[in-house]
Amino acid sequence: AHDLRRPKALLSSVAIMLIALALAGPQWGV
């Protein structure tokens, strides 16, 4: 299980940051 702990934690962290970024409502083109 040690081999997968870091990638799982990293992917979870990236997912949390992407959700936070999505909440900011990125926009392009008017």
mmCIF file of all heavy atoms, coordinates in Angstrom:
data_MODEL
# 
_entry.id   MODEL 
# 
loop_
_atom_site.group_PDB 
_atom_site.id 
_atom_site.type_symbol 
_atom_site.label_atom_id 
_atom_site.label_alt_id 
_atom_site.label_comp_id 
_atom_site.label_asym_id 
_atom_site.label_entity_id 
_atom_site.label_seq_id 
_atom_site.pdbx_PDB_ins_code 
_atom_site.Cartn_x 
_atom_site.Cartn_y 
_atom_site.Cartn_z 
_atom_site.occupancy 
_atom_site.B_iso_or_equiv 
_atom_site.pdbx_formal_charge 
_atom_site.auth_seq_id 
_atom_site.auth_comp_id 
_atom_site.auth_asym_id 
_atom_site.auth_atom_id 
_atom_site.pdbx_PDB_model_num 
ATOM 1   N N   . ALA A 1 1  ? 0.823   -1.214 0.000   1.00 0.00 ? 1  ALA A N   1 
ATOM 2   C CA  . ALA A 1 1  ? 0.000   0.000  0.000   1.00 0.00 ? 1  ALA A CA  1 
ATOM 3   C C   . ALA A 1 1  ? 0.859   1.267  0.000   1.00 0.00 ? 1  ALA A C   1 
ATOM 4   O O   . ALA A 1 1  ? 0.398   2.322  -0.414  1.00 0.00 ? 1  ALA A O   1 
ATOM 5   C CB  . ALA A 1 1  ? -0.930  0.007  1.201   1.00 0.00 ? 1  ALA A CB  1 
ATOM 6   N N   . HIS A 1 2  ? 2.105   1.167  0.449   1.00 0.00 ? 2  HIS A N   1 
ATOM 7   C CA  . HIS A 1 2  ? 2.970   2.349  0.501   1.00 0.00 ? 2  HIS A CA  1 
ATOM 8   C C   . HIS A 1 2  ? 3.221   2.925  -0.892  1.00 0.00 ? 2  HIS A C   1 
ATOM 9   O O   . HIS A 1 2  ? 3.401   4.119  -1.054  1.00 0.00 ? 2  HIS A O   1 
ATOM 10  C CB  . HIS A 1 2  ? 4.309   2.013  1.165   1.00 0.00 ? 2  HIS A CB  1 
ATOM 11  C CG  . HIS A 1 2  ? 4.188   1.681  2.615   1.00 0.00 ? 2  HIS A CG  1 
ATOM 12  N ND1 . HIS A 1 2  ? 3.887   2.619  3.558   1.00 0.00 ? 2  HIS A ND1 1 
ATOM 13  C CD2 . HIS A 1 2  ? 4.300   0.505  3.282   1.00 0.00 ? 2  HIS A CD2 1 
ATOM 14  C CE1 . HIS A 1 2  ? 3.830   2.051  4.748   1.00 0.00 ? 2  HIS A CE1 1 
ATOM 15  N NE2 . HIS A 1 2  ? 4.071   0.763  4.604   1.00 0.00 ? 2  HIS A NE2 1 
ATOM 16  N N   . ASP A 1 3  ? 3.257   2.046  -1.883  1.00 0.00 ? 3  ASP A N   1 
ATOM 17  C CA  . ASP A 1 3  ? 3.540   2.508  -3.240  1.00 0.00 ? 3  ASP A CA  1 
ATOM 18  C C   . ASP A 1 3  ? 2.434   3.403  -3.781  1.00 0.00 ? 3  ASP A C   1 
ATOM 19  O O   . ASP A 1 3  ? 2.685   4.249  -4.629  1.00 0.00 ? 3  ASP A O   1 
ATOM 20  C CB  . ASP A 1 3  ? 3.724   1.309  -4.175  1.00 0.00 ? 3  ASP A CB  1 
ATOM 21  C CG  . ASP A 1 3  ? 4.886   0.422  -3.757  1.00 0.00 ? 3  ASP A CG  1 
ATOM 22  O OD1 . ASP A 1 3  ? 5.792   0.931  -3.065  1.00 0.00 ? 3  ASP A OD1 1 
ATOM 23  O OD2 . ASP A 1 3  ? 4.876   -0.762 -4.120  1.00 0.00 ? 3  ASP A OD2 1 
ATOM 24  N N   . LEU A 1 4  ? 1.213   3.214  -3.332  1.00 0.00 ? 4  LEU A N   1 
ATOM 25  C CA  . LEU A 1 4  ? 0.081   3.959  -3.882  1.00 0.00 ? 4  LEU A CA  1 
ATOM 26  C C   . LEU A 1 4  ? -0.345  5.144  -3.029  1.00 0.00 ? 4  LEU A C   1 
ATOM 27  O O   . LEU A 1 4  ? -1.170  5.941  -3.466  1.00 0.00 ? 4  LEU A O   1 
ATOM 28  C CB  . LEU A 1 4  ? -1.108  3.014  -4.056  1.00 0.00 ? 4  LEU A CB  1 
ATOM 29  C CG  . LEU A 1 4  ? -0.906  1.868  -5.040  1.00 0.00 ? 4  LEU A CG  1 
ATOM 30  C CD1 . LEU A 1 4  ? -2.128  0.969  -5.070  1.00 0.00 ? 4  LEU A CD1 1 
ATOM 31  C CD2 . LEU A 1 4  ? -0.614  2.407  -6.425  1.00 0.00 ? 4  LEU A CD2 1 
ATOM 32  N N   . ARG A 1 5  ? 0.183   5.280  -1.836  1.00 0.00 ? 5  ARG A N   1 
ATOM 33  C CA  . ARG A 1 5  ? -0.270  6.355  -0.948  1.00 0.00 ? 5  ARG A CA  1 
ATOM 34  C C   . ARG A 1 5  ? 0.043   7.734  -1.504  1.00 0.00 ? 5  ARG A C   1 
ATOM 35  O O   . ARG A 1 5  ? -0.803  8.606  -1.529  1.00 0.00 ? 5  ARG A O   1 
ATOM 36  C CB  . ARG A 1 5  ? 0.358   6.193  0.433   1.00 0.00 ? 5  ARG A CB  1 
ATOM 37  C CG  . ARG A 1 5  ? -0.321  5.125  1.228   1.00 0.00 ? 5  ARG A CG  1 
ATOM 38  C CD  . ARG A 1 5  ? 0.048   5.221  2.692   1.00 0.00 ? 5  ARG A CD  1 
ATOM 39  N NE  . ARG A 1 5  ? -0.501  4.061  3.365   1.00 0.00 ? 5  ARG A NE  1 
ATOM 40  C CZ  . ARG A 1 5  ? 0.219   3.175  4.019   1.00 0.00 ? 5  ARG A CZ  1 
ATOM 41  N NH1 . ARG A 1 5  ? 1.519   3.343  4.135   1.00 0.00 ? 5  ARG A NH1 1 
ATOM 42  N NH2 . ARG A 1 5  ? -0.348  2.150  4.587   1.00 0.00 ? 5  ARG A NH2 1 
ATOM 43  N N   . ARG A 1 6  ? 1.259   7.940  -1.939  1.00 0.00 ? 6  ARG A N   1 
ATOM 44  C CA  . ARG A 1 6  ? 1.637   9.264  -2.453  1.00 0.00 ? 6  ARG A CA  1 
ATOM 45  C C   . ARG A 1 6  ? 0.859   9.640  -3.721  1.00 0.00 ? 6  ARG A C   1 
ATOM 46  O O   . ARG A 1 6  ? 0.338   10.750 -3.803  1.00 0.00 ? 6  ARG A O   1 
ATOM 47  C CB  . ARG A 1 6  ? 3.136   9.328  -2.708  1.00 0.00 ? 6  ARG A CB  1 
ATOM 48  C CG  . ARG A 1 6  ? 3.921   9.660  -1.478  1.00 0.00 ? 6  ARG A CG  1 
ATOM 49  C CD  . ARG A 1 6  ? 5.237   10.315 -1.909  1.00 0.00 ? 6  ARG A CD  1 
ATOM 50  N NE  . ARG A 1 6  ? 6.042   10.710 -0.795  1.00 0.00 ? 6  ARG A NE  1 
ATOM 51  C CZ  . ARG A 1 6  ? 5.854   11.819 -0.101  1.00 0.00 ? 6  ARG A CZ  1 
ATOM 52  N NH1 . ARG A 1 6  ? 4.873   12.606 -0.401  1.00 0.00 ? 6  ARG A NH1 1 
ATOM 53  N NH2 . ARG A 1 6  ? 6.643   12.124 0.904   1.00 0.00 ? 6  ARG A NH2 1 
ATOM 54  N N   . PRO A 1 7  ? 0.768   8.755  -4.720  1.00 0.00 ? 7  PRO A N   1 
ATOM 55  C CA  . PRO A 1 7  ? -0.014  9.130  -5.907  1.00 0.00 ? 7  PRO A CA  1 
ATOM 56  C C   . PRO A 1 7  ? -1.490  9.397  -5.579  1.00 0.00 ? 7  PRO A C   1 
ATOM 57  O O   . PRO A 1 7  ? -2.088  10.320 -6.134  1.00 0.00 ? 7  PRO A O   1 
ATOM 58  C CB  . PRO A 1 7  ? 0.121   7.928  -6.838  1.00 0.00 ? 7  PRO A CB  1 
ATOM 59  C CG  . PRO A 1 7  ? 1.364   7.240  -6.409  1.00 0.00 ? 7  PRO A CG  1 
ATOM 60  C CD  . PRO A 1 7  ? 1.478   7.497  -4.938  1.00 0.00 ? 7  PRO A CD  1 
ATOM 61  N N   . LYS A 1 8  ? -2.060  8.604  -4.681  1.00 0.00 ? 8  LYS A N   1 
ATOM 62  C CA  . LYS A 1 8  ? -3.458  8.830  -4.299  1.00 0.00 ? 8  LYS A CA  1 
ATOM 63  C C   . LYS A 1 8  ? -3.619  10.175 -3.607  1.00 0.00 ? 8  LYS A C   1 
ATOM 64  O O   . LYS A 1 8  ? -4.556  10.927 -3.902  1.00 0.00 ? 8  LYS A O   1 
ATOM 65  C CB  . LYS A 1 8  ? -3.946  7.704  -3.375  1.00 0.00 ? 8  LYS A CB  1 
ATOM 66  C CG  . LYS A 1 8  ? -4.320  6.451  -4.110  1.00 0.00 ? 8  LYS A CG  1 
ATOM 67  C CD  . LYS A 1 8  ? -4.639  5.276  -3.213  1.00 0.00 ? 8  LYS A CD  1 
ATOM 68  C CE  . LYS A 1 8  ? -5.502  5.566  -2.056  1.00 0.00 ? 8  LYS A CE  1 
ATOM 69  N NZ  . LYS A 1 8  ? -5.830  4.397  -1.250  1.00 0.00 ? 8  LYS A NZ  1 
ATOM 70  N N   . ALA A 1 9  ? -2.710  10.494 -2.721  1.00 0.00 ? 9  ALA A N   1 
ATOM 71  C CA  . ALA A 1 9  ? -2.779  11.776 -2.020  1.00 0.00 ? 9  ALA A CA  1 
ATOM 72  C C   . ALA A 1 9  ? -2.559  12.927 -2.993  1.00 0.00 ? 9  ALA A C   1 
ATOM 73  O O   . ALA A 1 9  ? -3.249  13.949 -2.919  1.00 0.00 ? 9  ALA A O   1 
ATOM 74  C CB  . ALA A 1 9  ? -1.744  11.811 -0.898  1.00 0.00 ? 9  ALA A CB  1 
ATOM 75  N N   . LEU A 1 10 ? -1.632  12.762 -3.913  1.00 0.00 ? 10 LEU A N   1 
ATOM 76  C CA  . LEU A 1 10 ? -1.368  13.811 -4.894  1.00 0.00 ? 10 LEU A CA  1 
ATOM 77  C C   . LEU A 1 10 ? -2.573  14.029 -5.809  1.00 0.00 ? 10 LEU A C   1 
ATOM 78  O O   . LEU A 1 10 ? -2.980  15.167 -6.059  1.00 0.00 ? 10 LEU A O   1 
ATOM 79  C CB  . LEU A 1 10 ? -0.131  13.456 -5.715  1.00 0.00 ? 10 LEU A CB  1 
ATOM 80  C CG  . LEU A 1 10 ? 0.326   14.501 -6.714  1.00 0.00 ? 10 LEU A CG  1 
ATOM 81  C CD1 . LEU A 1 10 ? 0.756   15.769 -5.974  1.00 0.00 ? 10 LEU A CD1 1 
ATOM 82  C CD2 . LEU A 1 10 ? 1.460   13.971 -7.559  1.00 0.00 ? 10 LEU A CD2 1 
ATOM 83  N N   . LEU A 1 11 ? -3.175  12.947 -6.282  1.00 0.00 ? 11 LEU A N   1 
ATOM 84  C CA  . LEU A 1 11 ? -4.352  13.072 -7.146  1.00 0.00 ? 11 LEU A CA  1 
ATOM 85  C C   . LEU A 1 11 ? -5.531  13.684 -6.394  1.00 0.00 ? 11 LEU A C   1 
ATOM 86  O O   . LEU A 1 11 ? -6.283  14.496 -6.958  1.00 0.00 ? 11 LEU A O   1 
ATOM 87  C CB  . LEU A 1 11 ? -4.728  11.715 -7.728  1.00 0.00 ? 11 LEU A CB  1 
ATOM 88  C CG  . LEU A 1 11 ? -3.798  11.192 -8.814  1.00 0.00 ? 11 LEU A CG  1 
ATOM 89  C CD1 . LEU A 1 11 ? -4.191  9.779  -9.224  1.00 0.00 ? 11 LEU A CD1 1 
ATOM 90  C CD2 . LEU A 1 11 ? -3.800  12.108 -10.015 1.00 0.00 ? 11 LEU A CD2 1 
ATOM 91  N N   . SER A 1 12 ? -5.692  13.319 -5.136  1.00 0.00 ? 12 SER A N   1 
ATOM 92  C CA  . SER A 1 12 ? -6.767  13.916 -4.337  1.00 0.00 ? 12 SER A CA  1 
ATOM 93  C C   . SER A 1 12 ? -6.527  15.408 -4.156  1.00 0.00 ? 12 SER A C   1 
ATOM 94  O O   . SER A 1 12 ? -7.459  16.212 -4.253  1.00 0.00 ? 12 SER A O   1 
ATOM 95  C CB  . SER A 1 12 ? -6.856  13.239 -2.968  1.00 0.00 ? 12 SER A CB  1 
ATOM 96  O OG  . SER A 1 12 ? -7.161  11.888 -3.114  1.00 0.00 ? 12 SER A OG  1 
ATOM 97  N N   . SER A 1 13 ? -5.295  15.783 -3.917  1.00 0.00 ? 13 SER A N   1 
ATOM 98  C CA  . SER A 1 13 ? -4.960  17.195 -3.745  1.00 0.00 ? 13 SER A CA  1 
ATOM 99  C C   . SER A 1 13 ? -5.203  17.982 -5.025  1.00 0.00 ? 13 SER A C   1 
ATOM 100 O O   . SER A 1 13 ? -5.764  19.076 -5.000  1.00 0.00 ? 13 SER A O   1 
ATOM 101 C CB  . SER A 1 13 ? -3.502  17.340 -3.330  1.00 0.00 ? 13 SER A CB  1 
ATOM 102 O OG  . SER A 1 13 ? -3.263  16.629 -2.153  1.00 0.00 ? 13 SER A OG  1 
ATOM 103 N N   . VAL A 1 14 ? -4.800  17.415 -6.146  1.00 0.00 ? 14 VAL A N   1 
ATOM 104 C CA  . VAL A 1 14 ? -5.026  18.081 -7.432  1.00 0.00 ? 14 VAL A CA  1 
ATOM 105 C C   . VAL A 1 14 ? -6.519  18.212 -7.700  1.00 0.00 ? 14 VAL A C   1 
ATOM 106 O O   . VAL A 1 14 ? -6.986  19.250 -8.180  1.00 0.00 ? 14 VAL A O   1 
ATOM 107 C CB  . VAL A 1 14 ? -4.306  17.320 -8.565  1.00 0.00 ? 14 VAL A CB  1 
ATOM 108 C CG1 . VAL A 1 14 ? -4.737  17.820 -9.929  1.00 0.00 ? 14 VAL A CG1 1 
ATOM 109 C CG2 . VAL A 1 14 ? -2.803  17.443 -8.410  1.00 0.00 ? 14 VAL A CG2 1 
ATOM 110 N N   . ALA A 1 15 ? -7.284  17.182 -7.366  1.00 0.00 ? 15 ALA A N   1 
ATOM 111 C CA  . ALA A 1 15 ? -8.734  17.246 -7.562  1.00 0.00 ? 15 ALA A CA  1 
ATOM 112 C C   . ALA A 1 15 ? -9.356  18.355 -6.725  1.00 0.00 ? 15 ALA A C   1 
ATOM 113 O O   . ALA A 1 15 ? -10.208 19.110 -7.207  1.00 0.00 ? 15 ALA A O   1 
ATOM 114 C CB  . ALA A 1 15 ? -9.367  15.893 -7.213  1.00 0.00 ? 15 ALA A CB  1 
ATOM 115 N N   . ILE A 1 16 ? -8.922  18.498 -5.479  1.00 0.00 ? 16 ILE A N   1 
ATOM 116 C CA  . ILE A 1 16 ? -9.445  19.555 -4.613  1.00 0.00 ? 16 ILE A CA  1 
ATOM 117 C C   . ILE A 1 16 ? -9.098  20.922 -5.189  1.00 0.00 ? 16 ILE A C   1 
ATOM 118 O O   . ILE A 1 16 ? -9.941  21.832 -5.226  1.00 0.00 ? 16 ILE A O   1 
ATOM 119 C CB  . ILE A 1 16 ? -8.888  19.405 -3.180  1.00 0.00 ? 16 ILE A CB  1 
ATOM 120 C CG1 . ILE A 1 16 ? -9.500  18.174 -2.510  1.00 0.00 ? 16 ILE A CG1 1 
ATOM 121 C CG2 . ILE A 1 16 ? -9.165  20.647 -2.346  1.00 0.00 ? 16 ILE A CG2 1 
ATOM 122 C CD1 . ILE A 1 16 ? -8.843  17.797 -1.207  1.00 0.00 ? 16 ILE A CD1 1 
ATOM 123 N N   . MET A 1 17 ? -7.878  21.079 -5.686  1.00 0.00 ? 17 MET A N   1 
ATOM 124 C CA  . MET A 1 17 ? -7.485  22.369 -6.255  1.00 0.00 ? 17 MET A CA  1 
ATOM 125 C C   . MET A 1 17 ? -8.241  22.666 -7.549  1.00 0.00 ? 17 MET A C   1 
ATOM 126 O O   . MET A 1 17 ? -8.637  23.807 -7.797  1.00 0.00 ? 17 MET A O   1 
ATOM 127 C CB  . MET A 1 17 ? -5.981  22.403 -6.490  1.00 0.00 ? 17 MET A CB  1 
ATOM 128 C CG  . MET A 1 17 ? -5.195  22.503 -5.194  1.00 0.00 ? 17 MET A CG  1 
ATOM 129 S SD  . MET A 1 17 ? -3.447  22.731 -5.448  1.00 0.00 ? 17 MET A SD  1 
ATOM 130 C CE  . MET A 1 17 ? -2.944  21.091 -5.868  1.00 0.00 ? 17 MET A CE  1 
ATOM 131 N N   . LEU A 1 18 ? -8.504  21.662 -8.362  1.00 0.00 ? 18 LEU A N   1 
ATOM 132 C CA  . LEU A 1 18 ? -9.263  21.879 -9.593  1.00 0.00 ? 18 LEU A CA  1 
ATOM 133 C C   . LEU A 1 18 ? -10.717 22.235 -9.294  1.00 0.00 ? 18 LEU A C   1 
ATOM 134 O O   . LEU A 1 18 ? -11.318 23.051 -10.001 1.00 0.00 ? 18 LEU A O   1 
ATOM 135 C CB  . LEU A 1 18 ? -9.182  20.649 -10.495 1.00 0.00 ? 18 LEU A CB  1 
ATOM 136 C CG  . LEU A 1 18 ? -7.829  20.430 -11.169 1.00 0.00 ? 18 LEU A CG  1 
ATOM 137 C CD1 . LEU A 1 18 ? -7.829  19.122 -11.951 1.00 0.00 ? 18 LEU A CD1 1 
ATOM 138 C CD2 . LEU A 1 18 ? -7.472  21.589 -12.073 1.00 0.00 ? 18 LEU A CD2 1 
ATOM 139 N N   . ILE A 1 19 ? -11.280 21.640 -8.263  1.00 0.00 ? 19 ILE A N   1 
ATOM 140 C CA  . ILE A 1 19 ? -12.644 22.007 -7.857  1.00 0.00 ? 19 ILE A CA  1 
ATOM 141 C C   . ILE A 1 19 ? -12.668 23.460 -7.399  1.00 0.00 ? 19 ILE A C   1 
ATOM 142 O O   . ILE A 1 19 ? -13.571 24.229 -7.755  1.00 0.00 ? 19 ILE A O   1 
ATOM 143 C CB  . ILE A 1 19 ? -13.153 21.050 -6.758  1.00 0.00 ? 19 ILE A CB  1 
ATOM 144 C CG1 . ILE A 1 19 ? -13.428 19.670 -7.348  1.00 0.00 ? 19 ILE A CG1 1 
ATOM 145 C CG2 . ILE A 1 19 ? -14.409 21.610 -6.090  1.00 0.00 ? 19 ILE A CG2 1 
ATOM 146 C CD1 . ILE A 1 19 ? -13.708 18.602 -6.327  1.00 0.00 ? 19 ILE A CD1 1 
ATOM 147 N N   . ALA A 1 20 ? -11.676 23.858 -6.623  1.00 0.00 ? 20 ALA A N   1 
ATOM 148 C CA  . ALA A 1 20 ? -11.601 25.254 -6.171  1.00 0.00 ? 20 ALA A CA  1 
ATOM 149 C C   . ALA A 1 20 ? -11.433 26.194 -7.361  1.00 0.00 ? 20 ALA A C   1 
ATOM 150 O O   . ALA A 1 20 ? -12.046 27.269 -7.406  1.00 0.00 ? 20 ALA A O   1 
ATOM 151 C CB  . ALA A 1 20 ? -10.452 25.427 -5.183  1.00 0.00 ? 20 ALA A CB  1 
ATOM 152 N N   . LEU A 1 21 ? -10.640 25.794 -8.347  1.00 0.00 ? 21 LEU A N   1 
ATOM 153 C CA  . LEU A 1 21 ? -10.470 26.611 -9.545  1.00 0.00 ? 21 LEU A CA  1 
ATOM 154 C C   . LEU A 1 21 ? -11.778 26.701 -10.332 1.00 0.00 ? 21 LEU A C   1 
ATOM 155 O O   . LEU A 1 21 ? -12.140 27.766 -10.836 1.00 0.00 ? 21 LEU A O   1 
ATOM 156 C CB  . LEU A 1 21 ? -9.364  26.026 -10.427 1.00 0.00 ? 21 LEU A CB  1 
ATOM 157 C CG  . LEU A 1 21 ? -9.032  26.797 -11.697 1.00 0.00 ? 21 LEU A CG  1 
ATOM 158 C CD1 . LEU A 1 21 ? -8.465  28.168 -11.335 1.00 0.00 ? 21 LEU A CD1 1 
ATOM 159 C CD2 . LEU A 1 21 ? -8.043  26.018 -12.536 1.00 0.00 ? 21 LEU A CD2 1 
ATOM 160 N N   . ALA A 1 22 ? -12.509 25.608 -10.408 1.00 0.00 ? 22 ALA A N   1 
ATOM 161 C CA  . ALA A 1 22 ? -13.796 25.619 -11.114 1.00 0.00 ? 22 ALA A CA  1 
ATOM 162 C C   . ALA A 1 22 ? -14.800 26.523 -10.419 1.00 0.00 ? 22 ALA A C   1 
ATOM 163 O O   . ALA A 1 22 ? -15.636 27.162 -11.074 1.00 0.00 ? 22 ALA A O   1 
ATOM 164 C CB  . ALA A 1 22 ? -14.339 24.196 -11.222 1.00 0.00 ? 22 ALA A CB  1 
ATOM 165 N N   . LEU A 1 23 ? -14.737 26.601 -9.092  1.00 0.00 ? 23 LEU A N   1 
ATOM 166 C CA  . LEU A 1 23 ? -15.644 27.481 -8.351  1.00 0.00 ? 23 LEU A CA  1 
ATOM 167 C C   . LEU A 1 23 ? -15.396 28.950 -8.670  1.00 0.00 ? 23 LEU A C   1 
ATOM 168 O O   . LEU A 1 23 ? -16.297 29.780 -8.550  1.00 0.00 ? 23 LEU A O   1 
ATOM 169 C CB  . LEU A 1 23 ? -15.503 27.255 -6.849  1.00 0.00 ? 23 LEU A CB  1 
ATOM 170 C CG  . LEU A 1 23 ? -16.104 25.964 -6.319  1.00 0.00 ? 23 LEU A CG  1 
ATOM 171 C CD1 . LEU A 1 23 ? -15.770 25.798 -4.838  1.00 0.00 ? 23 LEU A CD1 1 
ATOM 172 C CD2 . LEU A 1 23 ? -17.598 25.937 -6.522  1.00 0.00 ? 23 LEU A CD2 1 
ATOM 173 N N   . ALA A 1 24 ? -14.188 29.280 -9.105  1.00 0.00 ? 24 ALA A N   1 
ATOM 174 C CA  . ALA A 1 24 ? -13.880 30.664 -9.468  1.00 0.00 ? 24 ALA A CA  1 
ATOM 175 C C   . ALA A 1 24 ? -14.523 31.039 -10.805 1.00 0.00 ? 24 ALA A C   1 
ATOM 176 O O   . ALA A 1 24 ? -14.610 32.212 -11.138 1.00 0.00 ? 24 ALA A O   1 
ATOM 177 C CB  . ALA A 1 24 ? -12.373 30.877 -9.528  1.00 0.00 ? 24 ALA A CB  1 
ATOM 178 N N   . GLY A 1 25 ? -14.992 30.059 -11.567 1.00 0.00 ? 25 GLY A N   1 
ATOM 179 C CA  . GLY A 1 25 ? -15.694 30.326 -12.816 1.00 0.00 ? 25 GLY A CA  1 
ATOM 180 C C   . GLY A 1 25 ? -14.820 30.887 -13.911 1.00 0.00 ? 25 GLY A C   1 
ATOM 181 O O   . GLY A 1 25 ? -15.035 32.012 -14.349 1.00 0.00 ? 25 GLY A O   1 
ATOM 182 N N   . PRO A 1 26 ? -13.827 30.120 -14.378 1.00 0.00 ? 26 PRO A N   1 
ATOM 183 C CA  . PRO A 1 26 ? -12.977 30.636 -15.448 1.00 0.00 ? 26 PRO A CA  1 
ATOM 184 C C   . PRO A 1 26 ? -13.797 30.915 -16.708 1.00 0.00 ? 26 PRO A C   1 
ATOM 185 O O   . PRO A 1 26 ? -14.722 30.165 -17.026 1.00 0.00 ? 26 PRO A O   1 
ATOM 186 C CB  . PRO A 1 26 ? -11.961 29.518 -15.678 1.00 0.00 ? 26 PRO A CB  1 
ATOM 187 C CG  . PRO A 1 26 ? -12.573 28.293 -15.114 1.00 0.00 ? 26 PRO A CG  1 
ATOM 188 C CD  . PRO A 1 26 ? -13.494 28.741 -14.023 1.00 0.00 ? 26 PRO A CD  1 
ATOM 189 N N   . GLN A 1 27 ? -13.458 32.010 -17.385 1.00 0.00 ? 27 GLN A N   1 
ATOM 190 C CA  . GLN A 1 27 ? -14.199 32.410 -18.582 1.00 0.00 ? 27 GLN A CA  1 
ATOM 191 C C   . GLN A 1 27 ? -13.226 32.846 -19.658 1.00 0.00 ? 27 GLN A C   1 
ATOM 192 O O   . GLN A 1 27 ? -12.168 33.397 -19.368 1.00 0.00 ? 27 GLN A O   1 
ATOM 193 C CB  . GLN A 1 27 ? -15.122 33.590 -18.264 1.00 0.00 ? 27 GLN A CB  1 
ATOM 194 C CG  . GLN A 1 27 ? -16.130 33.306 -17.203 1.00 0.00 ? 27 GLN A CG  1 
ATOM 195 C CD  . GLN A 1 27 ? -16.948 34.542 -16.864 1.00 0.00 ? 27 GLN A CD  1 
ATOM 196 O OE1 . GLN A 1 27 ? -16.580 35.648 -17.195 1.00 0.00 ? 27 GLN A OE1 1 
ATOM 197 N NE2 . GLN A 1 27 ? -18.058 34.340 -16.187 1.00 0.00 ? 27 GLN A NE2 1 
ATOM 198 N N   . TRP A 1 28 ? -13.579 32.632 -20.895 1.00 0.00 ? 28 TRP A N   1 
ATOM 199 C CA  . TRP A 1 28 ? -12.812 33.164 -22.009 1.00 0.00 ? 28 TRP A CA  1 
ATOM 200 C C   . TRP A 1 28 ? -13.782 33.424 -23.154 1.00 0.00 ? 28 TRP A C   1 
ATOM 201 O O   . TRP A 1 28 ? -14.793 32.782 -23.288 1.00 0.00 ? 28 TRP A O   1 
ATOM 202 C CB  . TRP A 1 28 ? -11.686 32.233 -22.447 1.00 0.00 ? 28 TRP A CB  1 
ATOM 203 C CG  . TRP A 1 28 ? -12.118 30.839 -22.708 1.00 0.00 ? 28 TRP A CG  1 
ATOM 204 C CD1 . TRP A 1 28 ? -12.564 30.311 -23.870 1.00 0.00 ? 28 TRP A CD1 1 
ATOM 205 C CD2 . TRP A 1 28 ? -12.149 29.774 -21.758 1.00 0.00 ? 28 TRP A CD2 1 
ATOM 206 N NE1 . TRP A 1 28 ? -12.880 28.995 -23.714 1.00 0.00 ? 28 TRP A NE1 1 
ATOM 207 C CE2 . TRP A 1 28 ? -12.631 28.634 -22.416 1.00 0.00 ? 28 TRP A CE2 1 
ATOM 208 C CE3 . TRP A 1 28 ? -11.812 29.670 -20.416 1.00 0.00 ? 28 TRP A CE3 1 
ATOM 209 C CZ2 . TRP A 1 28 ? -12.791 27.410 -21.783 1.00 0.00 ? 28 TRP A CZ2 1 
ATOM 210 C CZ3 . TRP A 1 28 ? -11.985 28.455 -19.803 1.00 0.00 ? 28 TRP A CZ3 1 
ATOM 211 C CH2 . TRP A 1 28 ? -12.456 27.347 -20.482 1.00 0.00 ? 28 TRP A CH2 1 
ATOM 212 N N   . GLY A 1 29 ? -13.454 34.414 -23.932 1.00 0.00 ? 29 GLY A N   1 
ATOM 213 C CA  . GLY A 1 29 ? -14.318 34.818 -25.037 1.00 0.00 ? 29 GLY A CA  1 
ATOM 214 C C   . GLY A 1 29 ? -15.522 35.589 -24.529 1.00 0.00 ? 29 GLY A C   1 
ATOM 215 O O   . GLY A 1 29 ? -16.129 35.228 -23.528 1.00 0.00 ? 29 GLY A O   1 
ATOM 216 N N   . VAL A 1 30 ? -15.858 36.674 -25.211 1.00 0.00 ? 30 VAL A N   1 
ATOM 217 C CA  . VAL A 1 30 ? -16.995 37.482 -24.797 1.00 0.00 ? 30 VAL A CA  1 
ATOM 218 C C   . VAL A 1 30 ? -17.933 37.608 -25.987 1.00 0.00 ? 30 VAL A C   1 
ATOM 219 O O   . VAL A 1 30 ? -17.511 37.900 -27.105 1.00 0.00 ? 30 VAL A O   1 
ATOM 220 C CB  . VAL A 1 30 ? -16.538 38.890 -24.345 1.00 0.00 ? 30 VAL A CB  1 
ATOM 221 C CG1 . VAL A 1 30 ? -17.735 39.751 -23.999 1.00 0.00 ? 30 VAL A CG1 1 
ATOM 222 C CG2 . VAL A 1 30 ? -15.589 38.782 -23.168 1.00 0.00 ? 30 VAL A CG2 1 
# 
